[in-house]
Amino acid sequence: MDIQKVLSDRRIICSDPDIMSGSPVFVGTRVPLQTFFDYLEGEGGLAEFLADFPHLQTQVLQVLEIITKAMLNQEQITCAHSA
């Protein structure tokens, strides 16, 4: 599963050379998807990101859902091949 394609197809993120030099951003914003991941890796995590960008709550939940499903699918494939 190409996660970035799914996020783009669902209009959660977009890449446009005229917006943030083509970096994937949340649709309708200039907030890069990478910024979300940086927050997740930081001390404040998800709570801090949502406090700083409350208007992105729905999109963030969709991103987490899609990534989680992709990870679970990959885990199932890995387990099936190792059995």
Protein backbone atom coordinates (compact mmCIF):
# COMPACT_ATOMS: atom_id res chain seq x y z
CA MET A 1 0.00 0.00 0.00
CA ASP A 2 1.38 3.38 -0.99
CA ILE A 3 0.36 5.42 2.04
CA GLN A 4 1.10 8.78 0.44
CA LYS A 5 -1.10 7.88 -2.55
CA VAL A 6 -3.98 6.86 -0.26
CA LEU A 7 -3.64 10.10 1.72
CA SER A 8 -3.63 12.07 -1.52
CA ASP A 9 -6.56 10.15 -3.05
CA ARG A 10 -8.61 10.81 0.09
CA ARG A 11 -7.70 14.51 -0.08
CA ILE A 12 -5.97 14.48 3.28
CA ILE A 13 -2.62 15.63 1.92
CA CYS A 14 -1.51 17.18 -1.33
CA SER A 15 1.76 18.00 -3.05
CA ASP A 16 1.94 21.13 -5.16
CA PRO A 17 5.20 22.69 -6.36
CA ASP A 18 3.75 26.12 -5.52
CA ILE A 19 3.05 25.14 -1.88
CA MET A 20 6.02 24.47 0.39
CA SER A 21 8.15 23.51 -2.62
CA GLY A 22 6.02 20.43 -3.27
CA SER A 23 6.35 18.88 0.18
CA PRO A 24 3.24 16.92 1.16
CA VAL A 25 0.99 19.21 3.22
CA PHE A 26 -2.43 18.83 4.78
CA VAL A 27 -5.00 19.87 2.18
CA GLY A 28 -5.97 23.53 2.48
CA THR A 29 -2.96 24.38 4.66
CA ARG A 30 0.76 24.97 4.49
CA VAL A 31 1.37 22.48 7.32
CA PRO A 32 3.73 19.76 6.09
CA LEU A 33 2.96 16.15 6.90
CA GLN A 34 6.58 15.90 8.08
CA THR A 35 5.79 18.48 10.79
CA PHE A 36 3.15 16.09 12.15
CA PHE A 37 5.69 13.26 12.26
CA ASP A 38 8.25 15.55 13.90
CA TYR A 39 5.75 16.36 16.65
CA LEU A 40 5.03 12.66 17.17
CA GLU A 41 8.73 12.05 17.71
CA GLY A 42 9.02 15.00 20.10
CA GLU A 43 8.18 15.31 23.76
CA GLY A 44 4.74 16.89 23.27
CA GLY A 45 3.63 14.30 20.73
CA LEU A 46 0.14 14.16 19.35
CA ALA A 47 -1.39 16.34 22.09
CA GLU A 48 0.96 19.22 21.32
CA PHE A 49 0.38 18.95 17.57
CA LEU A 50 -3.39 19.08 18.06
CA ALA A 51 -3.04 22.01 20.47
CA ASP A 52 -0.99 23.90 17.88
CA PHE A 53 -3.14 22.84 14.88
CA PRO A 54 -6.63 22.05 16.25
CA HIS A 55 -8.20 22.53 12.82
CA LEU A 56 -6.34 19.40 11.62
CA GLN A 57 -7.82 16.96 14.14
CA THR A 58 -9.99 15.10 11.61
CA GLN A 59 -7.18 14.81 9.07
CA VAL A 60 -4.70 13.67 11.74
CA LEU A 61 -7.05 10.91 12.88
CA GLN A 62 -7.43 9.80 9.26
CA VAL A 63 -3.64 9.73 8.80
CA LEU A 64 -3.23 7.63 11.94
CA GLU A 65 -5.98 5.24 10.84
CA ILE A 66 -4.48 4.74 7.37
CA ILE A 67 -0.96 4.24 8.70
CA THR A 68 -2.17 1.81 11.37
CA LYS A 69 -4.10 -0.25 8.83
CA ALA A 70 -1.08 -0.35 6.52
CA MET A 71 1.16 -1.50 9.38
CA LEU A 72 -1.30 -4.21 10.42
CA ASN A 73 -1.61 -5.42 6.83
CA GLN A 74 2.17 -5.56 6.51
CA GLU A 75 2.40 -7.49 9.78
CA GLN A 76 -0.16 -10.02 8.52
CA ILE A 77 1.80 -10.47 5.29
CA THR A 78 5.05 -10.92 7.21
CA CYS A 79 3.49 -13.47 9.56
CA ALA A 80 1.93 -15.39 6.67
CA HIS A 81 5.28 -15.64 4.89
CA SER A 82 7.14 -16.78 7.98
CA ALA A 83 4.62 -19.50 8.87
